[in-house]
C-alpha atoms as a PDB file:
ATOM      1  CA  UNK A   1     -13.910  -5.042  14.101  1.00  0.00           C
ATOM      2  CA  UNK A   2     -16.266  -7.643  12.731  1.00  0.00           C
ATOM      3  CA  UNK A   3     -17.997  -7.275   9.394  1.00  0.00           C
ATOM      4  CA  UNK A   4     -21.199  -8.906   8.177  1.00  0.00           C
ATOM      5  CA  UNK A   5     -22.893  -9.679   4.858  1.00  0.00           C
ATOM      6  CA  UNK A   6     -26.536 -10.507   4.104  1.00  0.00           C
ATOM      7  CA  UNK A   7     -26.517 -13.812   2.243  1.00  0.00           C
ATOM      8  CA  UNK A   8     -30.028 -15.045   1.413  1.00  0.00           C
ATOM      9  CA  UNK A   9     -31.973 -15.312   4.586  1.00  0.00           C
ATOM     10  CA  UNK A  10     -28.952 -15.205   6.854  1.00  0.00           C
ATOM     11  CA  UNK A  11     -26.354 -12.705   7.910  1.00  0.00           C
ATOM     12  CA  UNK A  12     -22.817 -13.903   7.954  1.00  0.00           C
ATOM     13  CA  UNK A  13     -20.414 -12.194  10.379  1.00  0.00           C
ATOM     14  CA  UNK A  14     -16.625 -12.344  10.157  1.00  0.00           C
ATOM     15  CA  UNK A  15     -13.808 -11.468  12.562  1.00  0.00           C
ATOM     16  CA  UNK A  16     -10.144 -12.429  12.794  1.00  0.00           C
ATOM     17  CA  UNK A  17      -6.679 -11.789  14.084  1.00  0.00           C
ATOM     18  CA  UNK A  18      -3.133 -12.735  13.180  1.00  0.00           C
ATOM     19  CA  UNK A  19      -0.128 -12.632  15.546  1.00  0.00           C
ATOM     20  CA  UNK A  20       3.606 -13.266  15.206  1.00  0.00           C
ATOM     21  CA  UNK A  21       3.587 -15.538  18.286  1.00  0.00           C
ATOM     22  CA  UNK A  22       6.383 -15.736  20.941  1.00  0.00           C
ATOM     23  CA  UNK A  23       9.148 -17.485  19.034  1.00  0.00           C
ATOM     24  CA  UNK A  24       9.291 -16.254  15.354  1.00  0.00           C
ATOM     25  CA  UNK A  25      10.787 -12.818  14.525  1.00  0.00           C
ATOM     26  CA  UNK A  26       8.294 -12.083  11.792  1.00  0.00           C
ATOM     27  CA  UNK A  27       4.837 -13.089  10.656  1.00  0.00           C
ATOM     28  CA  UNK A  28       4.588 -15.278   7.526  1.00  0.00           C
ATOM     29  CA  UNK A  29       0.831 -15.700   7.887  1.00  0.00           C
ATOM     30  CA  UNK A  30      -1.588 -13.621   5.848  1.00  0.00           C
ATOM     31  CA  UNK A  31      -5.392 -13.341   6.041  1.00  0.00           C
ATOM     32  CA  UNK A  32      -8.289 -11.781   4.241  1.00  0.00           C
ATOM     33  CA  UNK A  33     -11.134 -10.440   6.276  1.00  0.00           C
ATOM     34  CA  UNK A  34     -13.829  -9.661   3.655  1.00  0.00           C
ATOM     35  CA  UNK A  35     -14.802  -6.191   2.587  1.00  0.00           C
ATOM     36  CA  UNK A  36     -16.762  -6.873  -0.631  1.00  0.00           C
ATOM     37  CA  UNK A  37     -17.784 -10.543  -0.607  1.00  0.00           C
ATOM     38  CA  UNK A  38     -18.452 -13.197   2.046  1.00  0.00           C
ATOM     39  CA  UNK A  39     -15.053 -14.644   1.433  1.00  0.00           C
ATOM     40  CA  UNK A  40     -12.317 -15.216   4.011  1.00  0.00           C
ATOM     41  CA  UNK A  41      -8.787 -16.506   3.318  1.00  0.00           C
ATOM     42  CA  UNK A  42      -5.990 -17.701   5.600  1.00  0.00           C
ATOM     43  CA  UNK A  43      -2.509 -18.609   4.392  1.00  0.00           C
ATOM     44  CA  UNK A  44       0.632 -19.813   6.212  1.00  0.00           C
ATOM     45  CA  UNK A  45       3.844 -19.067   4.415  1.00  0.00           C
ATOM     46  CA  UNK A  46       6.862 -21.359   4.191  1.00  0.00           C
ATOM     47  CA  UNK A  47      10.367 -20.821   2.838  1.00  0.00           C
ATOM     48  CA  UNK A  48      12.205 -18.514   5.323  1.00  0.00           C
ATOM     49  CA  UNK A  49      14.010 -15.209   4.670  1.00  0.00           C
ATOM     50  CA  UNK A  50      10.515 -13.521   4.410  1.00  0.00           C
ATOM     51  CA  UNK A  51       9.767 -15.560   1.300  1.00  0.00           C
ATOM     52  CA  UNK A  52       7.005 -17.388   3.070  1.00  0.00           C
ATOM     53  CA  UNK A  53       5.349 -14.000   3.778  1.00  0.00           C
ATOM     54  CA  UNK A  54       5.607 -13.191   0.068  1.00  0.00           C
ATOM     55  CA  UNK A  55       3.975 -16.500  -0.949  1.00  0.00           C
ATOM     56  CA  UNK A  56       1.094 -16.174   1.523  1.00  0.00           C
ATOM     57  CA  UNK A  57       0.511 -12.555   0.507  1.00  0.00           C
ATOM     58  CA  UNK A  58       0.331 -13.531  -3.157  1.00  0.00           C
ATOM     59  CA  UNK A  59      -2.080 -16.399  -2.279  1.00  0.00           C
ATOM     60  CA  UNK A  60      -4.562 -14.212  -0.322  1.00  0.00           C
ATOM     61  CA  UNK A  61      -4.467 -11.311  -2.817  1.00  0.00           C
ATOM     62  CA  UNK A  62      -4.801 -13.630  -5.836  1.00  0.00           C
ATOM     63  CA  UNK A  63      -7.872 -15.487  -4.527  1.00  0.00           C
ATOM     64  CA  UNK A  64      -9.530 -12.166  -3.564  1.00  0.00           C
ATOM     65  CA  UNK A  65      -8.799 -10.708  -6.959  1.00  0.00           C
ATOM     66  CA  UNK A  66     -10.320 -13.684  -8.784  1.00  0.00           C
ATOM     67  CA  UNK A  67     -13.503 -13.591  -6.738  1.00  0.00           C
ATOM     68  CA  UNK A  68     -13.934  -9.848  -7.200  1.00  0.00           C
ATOM     69  CA  UNK A  69     -13.189  -9.995 -10.889  1.00  0.00           C
ATOM     70  CA  UNK A  70     -15.669 -12.889 -11.497  1.00  0.00           C
ATOM     71  CA  UNK A  71     -18.400 -11.694  -9.200  1.00  0.00           C
ATOM     72  CA  UNK A  72     -20.325  -9.772 -11.837  1.00  0.00           C
ATOM     73  CA  UNK A  73     -19.734 -12.257 -14.597  1.00  0.00           C
ATOM     74  CA  UNK A  74     -22.743 -14.213 -15.832  1.00  0.00           C
ATOM     75  CA  UNK A  75     -22.311 -17.965 -15.520  1.00  0.00           C
ATOM     76  CA  UNK A  76     -22.460 -19.977 -18.775  1.00  0.00           C
ATOM     77  CA  UNK A  77     -25.749 -21.907 -18.947  1.00  0.00           C
ATOM     78  CA  UNK A  78     -25.546 -23.369 -22.485  1.00  0.00           C
ATOM     79  CA  UNK A  79     -24.906 -26.097 -23.461  1.00  0.00           C
ATOM     80  CA  UNK A  80     -23.947 -27.531 -20.071  1.00  0.00           C
ATOM     81  CA  UNK A  81     -26.451 -25.839 -17.707  1.00  0.00           C
ATOM     82  CA  UNK A  82     -24.299 -26.526 -14.696  1.00  0.00           C
ATOM     83  CA  UNK A  83     -25.906 -26.261 -11.263  1.00  0.00           C
ATOM     84  CA  UNK A  84     -24.818 -23.273  -9.231  1.00  0.00           C
ATOM     85  CA  UNK A  85     -22.947 -25.334  -6.633  1.00  0.00           C
ATOM     86  CA  UNK A  86     -20.779 -26.785  -9.362  1.00  0.00           C
ATOM     87  CA  UNK A  87     -20.071 -23.368 -10.812  1.00  0.00           C
ATOM     88  CA  UNK A  88     -19.019 -22.093  -7.388  1.00  0.00           C
ATOM     89  CA  UNK A  89     -16.950 -25.169  -6.721  1.00  0.00           C
ATOM     90  CA  UNK A  90     -15.030 -24.651 -10.043  1.00  0.00           C
ATOM     91  CA  UNK A  91     -14.605 -20.970  -9.181  1.00  0.00           C
ATOM     92  CA  UNK A  92     -12.886 -21.861  -5.919  1.00  0.00           C
ATOM     93  CA  UNK A  93     -10.677 -24.379  -7.657  1.00  0.00           C
ATOM     94  CA  UNK A  94      -9.651 -21.911 -10.325  1.00  0.00           C
ATOM     95  CA  UNK A  95      -8.913 -19.106  -7.794  1.00  0.00           C
ATOM     96  CA  UNK A  96      -6.505 -21.276  -5.818  1.00  0.00           C
ATOM     97  CA  UNK A  97      -4.816 -22.740  -8.958  1.00  0.00           C
ATOM     98  CA  UNK A  98      -4.211 -19.239 -10.212  1.00  0.00           C
ATOM     99  CA  UNK A  99      -2.622 -18.369  -6.900  1.00  0.00           C
ATOM    100  CA  UNK A 100      -0.403 -21.416  -7.176  1.00  0.00           C
ATOM    101  CA  UNK A 101       0.702 -20.394 -10.678  1.00  0.00           C
ATOM    102  CA  UNK A 102       1.630 -16.838  -9.485  1.00  0.00           C
ATOM    103  CA  UNK A 103       3.622 -18.154  -6.557  1.00  0.00           C
ATOM    104  CA  UNK A 104       5.378 -20.710  -8.711  1.00  0.00           C
ATOM    105  CA  UNK A 105       6.176 -18.189 -11.389  1.00  0.00           C
ATOM    106  CA  UNK A 106       7.506 -15.706  -8.909  1.00  0.00           C
ATOM    107  CA  UNK A 107       9.764 -18.307  -7.278  1.00  0.00           C
ATOM    108  CA  UNK A 108      11.130 -19.426 -10.654  1.00  0.00           C
ATOM    109  CA  UNK A 109      11.856 -15.925 -11.757  1.00  0.00           C
ATOM    110  CA  UNK A 110      13.683 -14.929  -8.559  1.00  0.00           C
ATOM    111  CA  UNK A 111      16.420 -17.177  -7.217  1.00  0.00           C
ATOM    112  CA  UNK A 112      16.086 -15.595  -3.720  1.00  0.00           C
ATOM    113  CA  UNK A 113      12.544 -16.875  -3.627  1.00  0.00           C
ATOM    114  CA  UNK A 114      13.109 -20.392  -4.772  1.00  0.00           C
ATOM    115  CA  UNK A 115      11.329 -22.928  -2.527  1.00  0.00           C
ATOM    116  CA  UNK A 116       8.812 -20.509  -1.115  1.00  0.00           C
ATOM    117  CA  UNK A 117       5.311 -21.707  -0.624  1.00  0.00           C
ATOM    118  CA  UNK A 118       2.280 -21.583   1.554  1.00  0.00           C
ATOM    119  CA  UNK A 119      -0.878 -23.301   2.705  1.00  0.00           C
ATOM    120  CA  UNK A 120      -4.299 -21.852   1.927  1.00  0.00           C
ATOM    121  CA  UNK A 121      -7.817 -22.070   3.297  1.00  0.00           C
ATOM    122  CA  UNK A 122     -10.457 -20.108   1.510  1.00  0.00           C
ATOM    123  CA  UNK A 123     -14.096 -19.977   2.777  1.00  0.00           C
ATOM    124  CA  UNK A 124     -16.913 -18.618   0.638  1.00  0.00           C
ATOM    125  CA  UNK A 125     -20.678 -18.486   1.339  1.00  0.00           C
ATOM    126  CA  UNK A 126     -23.366 -18.468  -1.371  1.00  0.00           C
ATOM    127  CA  UNK A 127     -27.017 -19.413  -1.594  1.00  0.00           C
ATOM    128  CA  UNK A 128     -27.178 -21.554   1.529  1.00  0.00           C
ATOM    129  CA  UNK A 129     -23.899 -23.420   0.894  1.00  0.00           C
ATOM    130  CA  UNK A 130     -20.222 -22.892   1.993  1.00  0.00           C
ATOM    131  CA  UNK A 131     -17.233 -23.667  -0.185  1.00  0.00           C
ATOM    132  CA  UNK A 132     -13.869 -24.434   1.214  1.00  0.00           C
ATOM    133  CA  UNK A 133     -10.732 -24.548  -0.862  1.00  0.00           C
ATOM    134  CA  UNK A 134      -7.963 -26.327   0.981  1.00  0.00           C
ATOM    135  CA  UNK A 135      -4.242 -27.012   0.328  1.00  0.00           C
ATOM    136  CA  UNK A 136      -1.787 -27.742   3.255  1.00  0.00           C
ATOM    137  CA  UNK A 137      -2.132 -28.229   6.958  1.00  0.00           C
ATOM    138  CA  UNK A 138      -4.035 -25.101   7.978  1.00  0.00           C
ATOM    139  CA  UNK A 139      -7.572 -26.027   9.008  1.00  0.00           C
ATOM    140  CA  UNK A 140     -11.276 -25.192   8.814  1.00  0.00           C
ATOM    141  CA  UNK A 141     -13.486 -26.273  11.788  1.00  0.00           C
ATOM    142  CA  UNK A 142     -17.243 -26.055  12.048  1.00  0.00           C
ATOM    143  CA  UNK A 143     -18.953 -25.715  15.475  1.00  0.00           C
ATOM    144  CA  UNK A 144     -22.596 -26.806  15.246  1.00  0.00           C
ATOM    145  CA  UNK A 145     -24.882 -27.602  18.208  1.00  0.00           C
ATOM    146  CA  UNK A 146     -21.975 -27.429  20.683  1.00  0.00           C
ATOM    147  CA  UNK A 147     -19.953 -29.915  18.652  1.00  0.00           C
ATOM    148  CA  UNK A 148     -16.746 -29.162  16.847  1.00  0.00           C
ATOM    149  CA  UNK A 149     -15.759 -30.941  13.594  1.00  0.00           C
ATOM    150  CA  UNK A 150     -12.606 -30.608  11.510  1.00  0.00           C
ATOM    151  CA  UNK A 151     -13.824 -30.179   7.944  1.00  0.00           C
ATOM    152  CA  UNK A 152     -10.447 -30.348   6.288  1.00  0.00           C
ATOM    153  CA  UNK A 153      -7.853 -33.067   6.279  1.00  0.00           C
ATOM    154  CA  UNK A 154      -4.148 -32.050   6.875  1.00  0.00           C
ATOM    155  CA  UNK A 155      -1.865 -32.520   3.845  1.00  0.00           C
ATOM    156  CA  UNK A 156       1.087 -33.418   6.142  1.00  0.00           C
ATOM    157  CA  UNK A 157       3.530 -36.276   6.538  1.00  0.00           C
ATOM    158  CA  UNK A 158       2.269 -36.880  10.054  1.00  0.00           C
ATOM    159  CA  UNK A 159      -1.340 -37.323   8.855  1.00  0.00           C
ATOM    160  CA  UNK A 160      -0.284 -39.647   5.988  1.00  0.00           C
ATOM    161  CA  UNK A 161       1.810 -41.699   8.425  1.00  0.00           C
ATOM    162  CA  UNK A 162      -1.018 -41.928  10.936  1.00  0.00           C
ATOM    163  CA  UNK A 163      -3.441 -43.114   8.243  1.00  0.00           C
ATOM    164  CA  UNK A 164      -1.058 -45.859   7.133  1.00  0.00           C
ATOM    165  CA  UNK A 165      -0.611 -47.444  10.481  1.00  0.00           C
ATOM    166  CA  UNK A 166      -2.066 -47.359  13.956  1.00  0.00           C
ATOM    167  CA  UNK A 167      -0.355 -44.975  16.315  1.00  0.00           C
ATOM    168  CA  UNK A 168      -0.616 -44.845  20.030  1.00  0.00           C
ATOM    169  CA  UNK A 169      -0.835 -41.545  21.838  1.00  0.00           C
ATOM    170  CA  UNK A 170       2.838 -41.627  22.745  1.00  0.00           C
ATOM    171  CA  UNK A 171       3.810 -42.342  19.112  1.00  0.00           C
ATOM    172  CA  UNK A 172       1.795 -39.357  17.870  1.00  0.00           C
ATOM    173  CA  UNK A 173       3.241 -37.040  20.471  1.00  0.00           C
ATOM    174  CA  UNK A 174       6.843 -38.093  19.608  1.00  0.00           C
ATOM    175  CA  UNK A 175       6.529 -38.142  15.820  1.00  0.00           C
ATOM    176  CA  UNK A 176       9.581 -36.191  14.593  1.00  0.00           C
ATOM    177  CA  UNK A 177       8.175 -34.601  11.401  1.00  0.00           C
ATOM    178  CA  UNK A 178       4.858 -33.132  12.428  1.00  0.00           C
ATOM    179  CA  UNK A 179       5.515 -29.856  10.531  1.00  0.00           C
ATOM    180  CA  UNK A 180       6.309 -31.442   7.200  1.00  0.00           C
ATOM    181  CA  UNK A 181       3.667 -30.485   4.627  1.00  0.00           C
ATOM    182  CA  UNK A 182       3.206 -32.810   1.600  1.00  0.00           C
ATOM    183  CA  UNK A 183       0.953 -30.470  -0.436  1.00  0.00           C
ATOM    184  CA  UNK A 184       1.227 -26.603  -0.576  1.00  0.00           C
ATOM    185  CA  UNK A 185       0.965 -23.760  -3.045  1.00  0.00           C
ATOM    186  CA  UNK A 186       4.249 -23.075  -4.832  1.00  0.00           C
ATOM    187  CA  UNK A 187       5.775 -26.508  -4.491  1.00  0.00           C
ATOM    188  CA  UNK A 188       5.044 -27.498  -8.088  1.00  0.00           C
ATOM    189  CA  UNK A 189       3.695 -25.789 -11.168  1.00  0.00           C
ATOM    190  CA  UNK A 190       0.309 -27.557 -10.710  1.00  0.00           C
ATOM    191  CA  UNK A 191      -1.565 -28.271  -7.483  1.00  0.00           C
ATOM    192  CA  UNK A 192      -4.541 -30.426  -6.536  1.00  0.00           C
ATOM    193  CA  UNK A 193      -7.099 -28.459  -4.592  1.00  0.00           C
ATOM    194  CA  UNK A 194      -9.498 -30.083  -2.092  1.00  0.00           C
ATOM    195  CA  UNK A 195     -12.900 -28.372  -2.322  1.00  0.00           C
ATOM    196  CA  UNK A 196     -15.547 -29.025   0.292  1.00  0.00           C
ATOM    197  CA  UNK A 197     -19.160 -28.083  -0.397  1.00  0.00           C
ATOM    198  CA  UNK A 198     -21.945 -28.331   2.178  1.00  0.00           C
ATOM    199  CA  UNK A 199     -25.006 -26.568   3.465  1.00  0.00           C
ATOM    200  CA  UNK A 200     -24.678 -24.077   6.369  1.00  0.00           C
ATOM    201  CA  UNK A 201     -27.168 -23.599   9.179  1.00  0.00           C
ATOM    202  CA  UNK A 202     -28.059 -20.710  11.440  1.00  0.00           C
ATOM    203  CA  UNK A 203     -25.774 -20.563  14.470  1.00  0.00           C
ATOM    204  CA  UNK A 204     -22.952 -22.434  12.837  1.00  0.00           C
ATOM    205  CA  UNK A 205     -19.521 -20.971  13.482  1.00  0.00           C
ATOM    206  CA  UNK A 206     -16.562 -21.654  11.137  1.00  0.00           C
ATOM    207  CA  UNK A 207     -13.002 -21.318  12.366  1.00  0.00           C
ATOM    208  CA  UNK A 208     -10.269 -20.943   9.739  1.00  0.00           C
ATOM    209  CA  UNK A 209      -6.799 -21.100  11.204  1.00  0.00           C
ATOM    210  CA  UNK A 210      -3.171 -21.863  10.739  1.00  0.00           C
ATOM    211  CA  UNK A 211      -1.313 -24.606  12.615  1.00  0.00           C
ATOM    212  CA  UNK A 212       0.012 -21.962  14.948  1.00  0.00           C
ATOM    213  CA  UNK A 213      -3.373 -22.115  16.561  1.00  0.00           C
ATOM    214  CA  UNK A 214      -4.429 -25.748  16.040  1.00  0.00           C
ATOM    215  CA  UNK A 215      -1.021 -26.972  17.021  1.00  0.00           C
ATOM    216  CA  UNK A 216      -0.967 -25.102  20.298  1.00  0.00           C
ATOM    217  CA  UNK A 217      -4.482 -25.532  21.678  1.00  0.00           C
ATOM    218  CA  UNK A 218      -6.972 -28.408  21.529  1.00  0.00           C
ATOM    219  CA  UNK A 219     -10.105 -28.606  19.479  1.00  0.00           C
ATOM    220  CA  UNK A 220     -12.070 -28.603  22.779  1.00  0.00           C
ATOM    221  CA  UNK A 221     -10.452 -25.280  23.777  1.00  0.00           C
ATOM    222  CA  UNK A 222     -11.479 -23.791  20.398  1.00  0.00           C
ATOM    223  CA  UNK A 223     -15.031 -25.081  20.880  1.00  0.00           C
ATOM    224  CA  UNK A 224     -15.215 -23.690  24.491  1.00  0.00           C
ATOM    225  CA  UNK A 225     -13.979 -20.260  23.479  1.00  0.00           C
ATOM    226  CA  UNK A 226     -16.352 -19.902  20.496  1.00  0.00           C
ATOM    227  CA  UNK A 227     -19.295 -21.373  22.412  1.00  0.00           C
ATOM    228  CA  UNK A 228     -18.954 -19.035  25.428  1.00  0.00           C
ATOM    229  CA  UNK A 229     -17.934 -15.741  23.650  1.00  0.00           C
ATOM    230  CA  UNK A 230     -20.667 -13.862  21.915  1.00  0.00           C
ATOM    231  CA  UNK A 231     -18.485 -11.199  20.362  1.00  0.00           C
ATOM    232  CA  UNK A 232     -16.513 -12.650  17.533  1.00  0.00           C
ATOM    233  CA  UNK A 233     -13.647 -10.121  17.825  1.00  0.00           C
ATOM    234  CA  UNK A 234     -13.207 -11.120  21.453  1.00  0.00           C
ATOM    235  CA  UNK A 235     -13.337 -14.774  20.539  1.00  0.00           C
ATOM    236  CA  UNK A 236     -10.606 -14.482  17.890  1.00  0.00           C
ATOM    237  CA  UNK A 237      -8.485 -12.444  20.314  1.00  0.00           C
ATOM    238  CA  UNK A 238      -8.933 -15.049  23.018  1.00  0.00           C
ATOM    239  CA  UNK A 239      -7.958 -17.933  20.719  1.00  0.00           C
ATOM    240  CA  UNK A 240      -4.707 -16.140  19.827  1.00  0.00           C
ATOM    241  CA  UNK A 241      -4.068 -15.320  23.438  1.00  0.00           C
ATOM    242  CA  UNK A 242      -4.472 -18.984  24.477  1.00  0.00           C
ATOM    243  CA  UNK A 243      -2.046 -20.154  21.702  1.00  0.00           C
ATOM    244  CA  UNK A 244       0.537 -17.667  22.927  1.00  0.00           C
ATOM    245  CA  UNK A 245       0.071 -18.760  26.540  1.00  0.00           C
ATOM    246  CA  UNK A 246       0.671 -22.339  25.385  1.00  0.00           C
ATOM    247  CA  UNK A 247       4.000 -21.313  23.968  1.00  0.00           C
ATOM    248  CA  UNK A 248       3.329 -19.365  20.812  1.00  0.00           C
ATOM    249  CA  UNK A 249       5.857 -21.486  18.878  1.00  0.00           C
ATOM    250  CA  UNK A 250       4.517 -20.326  15.458  1.00  0.00           C
ATOM    251  CA  UNK A 251       2.685 -17.474  13.855  1.00  0.00           C
ATOM    252  CA  UNK A 252      -0.972 -17.568  14.815  1.00  0.00           C
ATOM    253  CA  UNK A 253      -3.940 -16.741  12.657  1.00  0.00           C
ATOM    254  CA  UNK A 254      -7.725 -17.324  13.268  1.00  0.00           C
ATOM    255  CA  UNK A 255     -10.703 -16.145  11.281  1.00  0.00           C
ATOM    256  CA  UNK A 256     -14.249 -16.821  12.534  1.00  0.00           C
ATOM    257  CA  UNK A 257     -17.458 -16.736  10.525  1.00  0.00           C
ATOM    258  CA  UNK A 258     -20.843 -17.060  12.201  1.00  0.00           C
ATOM    259  CA  UNK A 259     -24.226 -17.702  10.578  1.00  0.00           C
ATOM    260  CA  UNK A 260     -26.844 -15.348  12.058  1.00  0.00           C
ATOM    261  CA  UNK A 261     -30.592 -15.250  11.496  1.00  0.00           C
ATOM    262  CA  UNK A 262     -31.807 -11.899  10.197  1.00  0.00           C
END
């Protein structure tokens, strides 16, 4: 069931779904649908033997915990007098770096969990702006005025290779290491976090998803479903259904957030 929050002059509605898919025997994805703050998180675990599930769970819970804990804290205004967008940007960075430290510490303390890690996409709304924290190859899309845009850039070997040289469609389709992630939580003690800050508008829809969705259906299909389905719960269910019908080769997670006028 969707949940909404009044943020300034807009209401922001969230819905989402996660599914094991048709090939994997357990779900290493985790998601946060907000209950207290307009914050959504999606994480795709890696490492096998259920360790990926452990990493993604730590990531989601750690980010939520940091946001809840810091929600009532007054922001320092002297001597720096930082603008609010910068404070929120740093809050997002800190939340994800803390998650990385917890995952790294857990993996180092338990030999059975060595090598576990996860991607993360965190989306927070405040005072007319959205803040995306991004590590890995899960994605955040924005659909605005019937046009879909990928707001995040995949931290993957495939994306790095594609940027270094021109690739024809056949080369892209046959690239042998599409699932290799070059940046993720838990890989090292420290991690660089991409943070994207921009204004949101009424009627925007944001799609936060793992590659079990984006790797199975096209951006155009995502746009068509979101653009033609008023109910966000139905839209997230349909996206997962389409990914399964396309093969369901990985766990599938999608969270939607829509900006509504009050």
